[in-house]
PDB file of N, CA and C in Angstrom:
ATOM      1  N   MET A   1      -1.097  -9.608 -11.758  1.00  0.00           N
ATOM      2  CA  MET A   1      -0.728  -8.462 -12.675  1.00  0.00           C
ATOM      3  C   MET A   1      -2.131  -7.936 -13.703  1.00  0.00           C
ATOM      4  N   SER A   2      -2.141  -9.155 -13.142  1.00  0.00           N
ATOM      5  CA  SER A   2      -4.358  -9.424 -13.917  1.00  0.00           C
ATOM      6  C   SER A   2      -5.141  -8.634 -12.551  1.00  0.00           C
ATOM      7  N   PHE A   3      -4.972  -8.999 -11.718  1.00  0.00           N
ATOM      8  CA  PHE A   3      -5.561  -8.179 -10.874  1.00  0.00           C
ATOM      9  C   PHE A   3      -5.030  -6.900 -10.586  1.00  0.00           C
ATOM     10  N   VAL A   4      -3.905  -5.742 -10.433  1.00  0.00           N
ATOM     11  CA  VAL A   4      -3.641  -4.793 -10.789  1.00  0.00           C
ATOM     12  C   VAL A   4      -4.644  -4.497 -12.070  1.00  0.00           C
ATOM     13  N   ARG A   5      -4.673  -5.074 -13.047  1.00  0.00           N
ATOM     14  CA  ARG A   5      -5.917  -4.083 -14.094  1.00  0.00           C
ATOM     15  C   ARG A   5      -7.061  -3.730 -13.938  1.00  0.00           C
ATOM     16  N   GLU A   6      -7.990  -5.684 -13.318  1.00  0.00           N
ATOM     17  CA  GLU A   6      -9.430  -5.552 -12.586  1.00  0.00           C
ATOM     18  C   GLU A   6     -10.036  -4.949 -11.370  1.00  0.00           C
ATOM     19  N   LEU A   7      -8.583  -4.051 -10.620  1.00  0.00           N
ATOM     20  CA  LEU A   7      -8.917  -3.397  -9.385  1.00  0.00           C
ATOM     21  C   LEU A   7      -9.635  -1.576 -10.438  1.00  0.00           C
ATOM     22  N   TRP A   8      -9.053  -1.853 -11.107  1.00  0.00           N
ATOM     23  CA  TRP A   8      -8.080  -0.486 -12.549  1.00  0.00           C
ATOM     24  C   TRP A   8      -9.370  -0.146 -12.617  1.00  0.00           C
ATOM     25  N   ARG A   9     -10.207  -1.463 -13.345  1.00  0.00           N
ATOM     26  CA  ARG A   9     -11.623  -1.446 -14.662  1.00  0.00           C
ATOM     27  C   ARG A   9     -12.357  -1.324 -13.404  1.00  0.00           C
ATOM     28  N   PHE A  10     -12.303  -1.633 -12.161  1.00  0.00           N
ATOM     29  CA  PHE A  10     -14.211  -1.353 -11.105  1.00  0.00           C
ATOM     30  C   PHE A  10     -13.983   0.022 -10.529  1.00  0.00           C
ATOM     31  N   ILE A  11     -12.516   0.121 -10.308  1.00  0.00           N
ATOM     32  CA  ILE A  11     -13.064   1.653  -9.878  1.00  0.00           C
ATOM     33  C   ILE A  11     -12.134   2.613 -11.389  1.00  0.00           C
ATOM     34  N   VAL A  12     -12.655   2.460 -12.679  1.00  0.00           N
ATOM     35  CA  VAL A  12     -13.070   3.850 -13.253  1.00  0.00           C
ATOM     36  C   VAL A  12     -14.769   3.310 -13.591  1.00  0.00           C
ATOM     37  N   ALA A  13     -14.969   2.364 -13.659  1.00  0.00           N
ATOM     38  CA  ALA A  13     -16.414   2.057 -13.391  1.00  0.00           C
ATOM     39  C   ALA A  13     -17.141   2.043 -12.106  1.00  0.00           C
ATOM     40  N   ARG A  14     -16.919   1.907 -11.357  1.00  0.00           N
ATOM     41  CA  ARG A  14     -17.942   2.220 -10.154  1.00  0.00           C
ATOM     42  C   ARG A  14     -17.283   4.068  -9.904  1.00  0.00           C
ATOM     43  N   LYS A  15     -16.156   5.252 -10.364  1.00  0.00           N
ATOM     44  CA  LYS A  15     -16.474   5.707  -9.828  1.00  0.00           C
ATOM     45  C   LYS A  15     -15.816   6.626  -8.345  1.00  0.00           C
ATOM     46  N   LYS A  16     -14.663   4.854  -8.346  1.00  0.00           N
ATOM     47  CA  LYS A  16     -14.357   4.789  -6.749  1.00  0.00           C
ATOM     48  C   LYS A  16     -13.014   6.024  -6.646  1.00  0.00           C
ATOM     49  N   PHE A  17     -12.730   6.794  -7.301  1.00  0.00           N
ATOM     50  CA  PHE A  17     -11.708   7.878  -7.451  1.00  0.00           C
ATOM     51  C   PHE A  17     -10.627   7.388  -6.042  1.00  0.00           C
ATOM     52  N   TRP A  18     -11.107   7.187  -4.737  1.00  0.00           N
ATOM     53  CA  TRP A  18     -10.921   7.424  -2.859  1.00  0.00           C
ATOM     54  C   TRP A  18     -10.165   6.679  -3.126  1.00  0.00           C
ATOM     55  N   LEU A  19     -10.161   5.196  -3.794  1.00  0.00           N
ATOM     56  CA  LEU A  19      -9.044   3.728  -3.268  1.00  0.00           C
ATOM     57  C   LEU A  19      -8.173   3.653  -3.482  1.00  0.00           C
ATOM     58  N   ILE A  20      -7.715   5.125  -4.797  1.00  0.00           N
ATOM     59  CA  ILE A  20      -6.695   4.878  -5.282  1.00  0.00           C
ATOM     60  C   ILE A  20      -5.385   5.045  -4.278  1.00  0.00           C
ATOM     61  N   PRO A  21      -5.925   6.689  -3.710  1.00  0.00           N
ATOM     62  CA  PRO A  21      -4.619   6.791  -2.570  1.00  0.00           C
ATOM     63  C   PRO A  21      -4.752   5.649  -1.565  1.00  0.00           C
ATOM     64  N   VAL A  22      -5.817   5.642  -0.537  1.00  0.00           N
ATOM     65  CA  VAL A  22      -6.335   4.428  -0.059  1.00  0.00           C
ATOM     66  C   VAL A  22      -4.652   2.833  -0.848  1.00  0.00           C
ATOM     67  N   MET A  23      -5.262   2.708  -1.447  1.00  0.00           N
ATOM     68  CA  MET A  23      -3.909   1.325  -1.940  1.00  0.00           C
ATOM     69  C   MET A  23      -2.833   1.774  -1.931  1.00  0.00           C
ATOM     70  N   LEU A  24      -2.570   2.799  -2.330  1.00  0.00           N
ATOM     71  CA  LEU A  24      -1.215   4.394  -2.070  1.00  0.00           C
ATOM     72  C   LEU A  24      -1.103   3.445  -0.783  1.00  0.00           C
ATOM     73  N   VAL A  25      -1.515   4.513  -0.233  1.00  0.00           N
ATOM     74  CA  VAL A  25      -0.602   4.101   0.922  1.00  0.00           C
ATOM     75  C   VAL A  25      -0.880   2.309   2.050  1.00  0.00           C
ATOM     76  N   MET A  26      -1.097   2.141   1.547  1.00  0.00           N
ATOM     77  CA  MET A  26      -1.505   0.627   2.428  1.00  0.00           C
ATOM     78  C   MET A  26      -0.885  -0.538   1.915  1.00  0.00           C
ATOM     79  N   ALA A  27       0.235   0.498   0.247  1.00  0.00           N
ATOM     80  CA  ALA A  27       1.041  -0.341  -0.172  1.00  0.00           C
ATOM     81  C   ALA A  27       3.081   0.334  -0.120  1.00  0.00           C
ATOM     82  N   LEU A  28       2.367   1.428   0.911  1.00  0.00           N
ATOM     83  CA  LEU A  28       3.339   1.358   0.772  1.00  0.00           C
ATOM     84  C   LEU A  28       4.645   1.148   2.514  1.00  0.00           C
ATOM     85  N   LEU A  29       3.442   1.484   3.029  1.00  0.00           N
ATOM     86  CA  LEU A  29       2.819   1.100   4.234  1.00  0.00           C
ATOM     87  C   LEU A  29       3.296  -0.492   4.191  1.00  0.00           C
ATOM     88  N   GLY A  30       3.108  -1.172   3.764  1.00  0.00           N
ATOM     89  CA  GLY A  30       3.283  -2.760   3.571  1.00  0.00           C
ATOM     90  C   GLY A  30       5.065  -3.579   2.728  1.00  0.00           C
ATOM     91  N   SER A  31       5.487  -1.570   2.317  1.00  0.00           N
ATOM     92  CA  SER A  31       6.321  -2.473   1.516  1.00  0.00           C
ATOM     93  C   SER A  31       7.607  -1.588   2.573  1.00  0.00           C
ATOM     94  N   LEU A  32       7.215  -1.033   3.288  1.00  0.00           N
ATOM     95  CA  LEU A  32       8.028  -0.668   4.401  1.00  0.00           C
ATOM     96  C   LEU A  32       8.026  -1.402   5.480  1.00  0.00           C
ATOM     97  N   ILE A  33       6.962  -1.905   6.073  1.00  0.00           N
ATOM     98  CA  ILE A  33       7.382  -2.360   6.707  1.00  0.00           C
ATOM     99  C   ILE A  33       8.540  -4.764   6.925  1.00  0.00           C
ATOM    100  N   VAL A  34       7.938  -5.103   5.033  1.00  0.00           N
ATOM    101  CA  VAL A  34       8.243  -5.897   4.894  1.00  0.00           C
ATOM    102  C   VAL A  34      10.038  -5.320   4.659  1.00  0.00           C
ATOM    103  N   LEU A  35      10.556  -4.492   3.923  1.00  0.00           N
ATOM    104  CA  LEU A  35      11.541  -3.810   4.488  1.00  0.00           C
ATOM    105  C   LEU A  35      12.778  -4.092   5.316  1.00  0.00           C
ATOM    106  N   ALA A  36      11.407  -3.361   6.852  1.00  0.00           N
ATOM    107  CA  ALA A  36      12.167  -2.873   7.854  1.00  0.00           C
ATOM    108  C   ALA A  36      12.683  -3.767   8.905  1.00  0.00           C
ATOM    109  N   GLU A  37      11.937  -5.180   8.138  1.00  0.00           N
ATOM    110  CA  GLU A  37      11.851  -6.515   8.983  1.00  0.00           C
ATOM    111  C   GLU A  37      13.257  -7.061   9.735  1.00  0.00           C
ATOM    112  N   GLY A  38      14.241  -7.153   8.816  1.00  0.00           N
ATOM    113  CA  GLY A  38      15.188  -7.318   9.649  1.00  0.00           C
ATOM    114  C   GLY A  38      16.715  -6.957   9.279  1.00  0.00           C
ATOM    115  N   SER A  39      16.453  -4.935   9.907  1.00  0.00           N
ATOM    116  CA  SER A  39      17.218  -4.318   9.232  1.00  0.00           C
ATOM    117  C   SER A  39      17.856  -3.850  10.596  1.00  0.00           C
ATOM    118  N   ALA A  40      18.149  -3.542  10.726  1.00  0.00           N
ATOM    119  CA  ALA A  40      18.648  -2.036  12.234  1.00  0.00           C
ATOM    120  C   ALA A  40      17.977  -0.869  11.871  1.00  0.00           C
ATOM    121  N   VAL A  41      17.266  -0.875  11.431  1.00  0.00           N
ATOM    122  CA  VAL A  41      16.358   0.736  11.186  1.00  0.00           C
ATOM    123  C   VAL A  41      15.083  -0.047  11.977  1.00  0.00           C
ATOM    124  N   ALA A  42      14.796  -1.055  12.157  1.00  0.00           N
ATOM    125  CA  ALA A  42      13.115  -1.469  12.823  1.00  0.00           C
ATOM    126  C   ALA A  42      12.849  -0.680  13.864  1.00  0.00           C
ATOM    127  N   PRO A  43      14.008  -0.835  14.500  1.00  0.00           N
ATOM    128  CA  PRO A  43      13.757   0.294  16.000  1.00  0.00           C
ATOM    129  C   PRO A  43      12.647   0.987  15.987  1.00  0.00           C
ATOM    130  N   PHE A  44      13.586   2.617  14.824  1.00  0.00           N
ATOM    131  CA  PHE A  44      12.884   3.259  15.241  1.00  0.00           C
ATOM    132  C   PHE A  44      11.499   3.721  13.744  1.00  0.00           C
ATOM    133  N   ILE A  45      11.629   2.702  12.759  1.00  0.00           N
ATOM    134  CA  ILE A  45      10.298   2.440  12.162  1.00  0.00           C
ATOM    135  C   ILE A  45       9.341   2.457  13.508  1.00  0.00           C
ATOM    136  N   TYR A  46       9.712   1.524  13.993  1.00  0.00           N
ATOM    137  CA  TYR A  46       8.492   0.672  15.455  1.00  0.00           C
ATOM    138  C   TYR A  46       7.813   2.312  16.375  1.00  0.00           C
ATOM    139  N   THR A  47       9.047   3.298  16.737  1.00  0.00           N
ATOM    140  CA  THR A  47       8.710   4.475  17.680  1.00  0.00           C
ATOM    141  C   THR A  47       7.584   5.678  16.645  1.00  0.00           C
ATOM    142  N   LEU A  48       7.663   4.890  14.806  1.00  0.00           N
ATOM    143  CA  LEU A  48       6.595   6.206  14.308  1.00  0.00           C
ATOM    144  C   LEU A  48       5.086   5.779  15.179  1.00  0.00           C
ATOM    145  N   PHE A  49       4.807   4.115  14.963  1.00  0.00           N
ATOM    146  CA  PHE A  49       3.061   3.626  14.820  1.00  0.00           C
ATOM    147  C   PHE A  49       3.499   3.546  16.077  1.00  0.00           C
TER     148      PHE A  49
END
């Protein structure tokens, strides 16, 4: 949790607010890959990419 807090302080201090959508998209794609790893939905997700 301290990593998230430190990252947030960096974004605010350096005014790099464009990093927020990048991090959100990366988190969503990562969670999608983790959730679909062993399921029957995996072949349908792989066709998206």
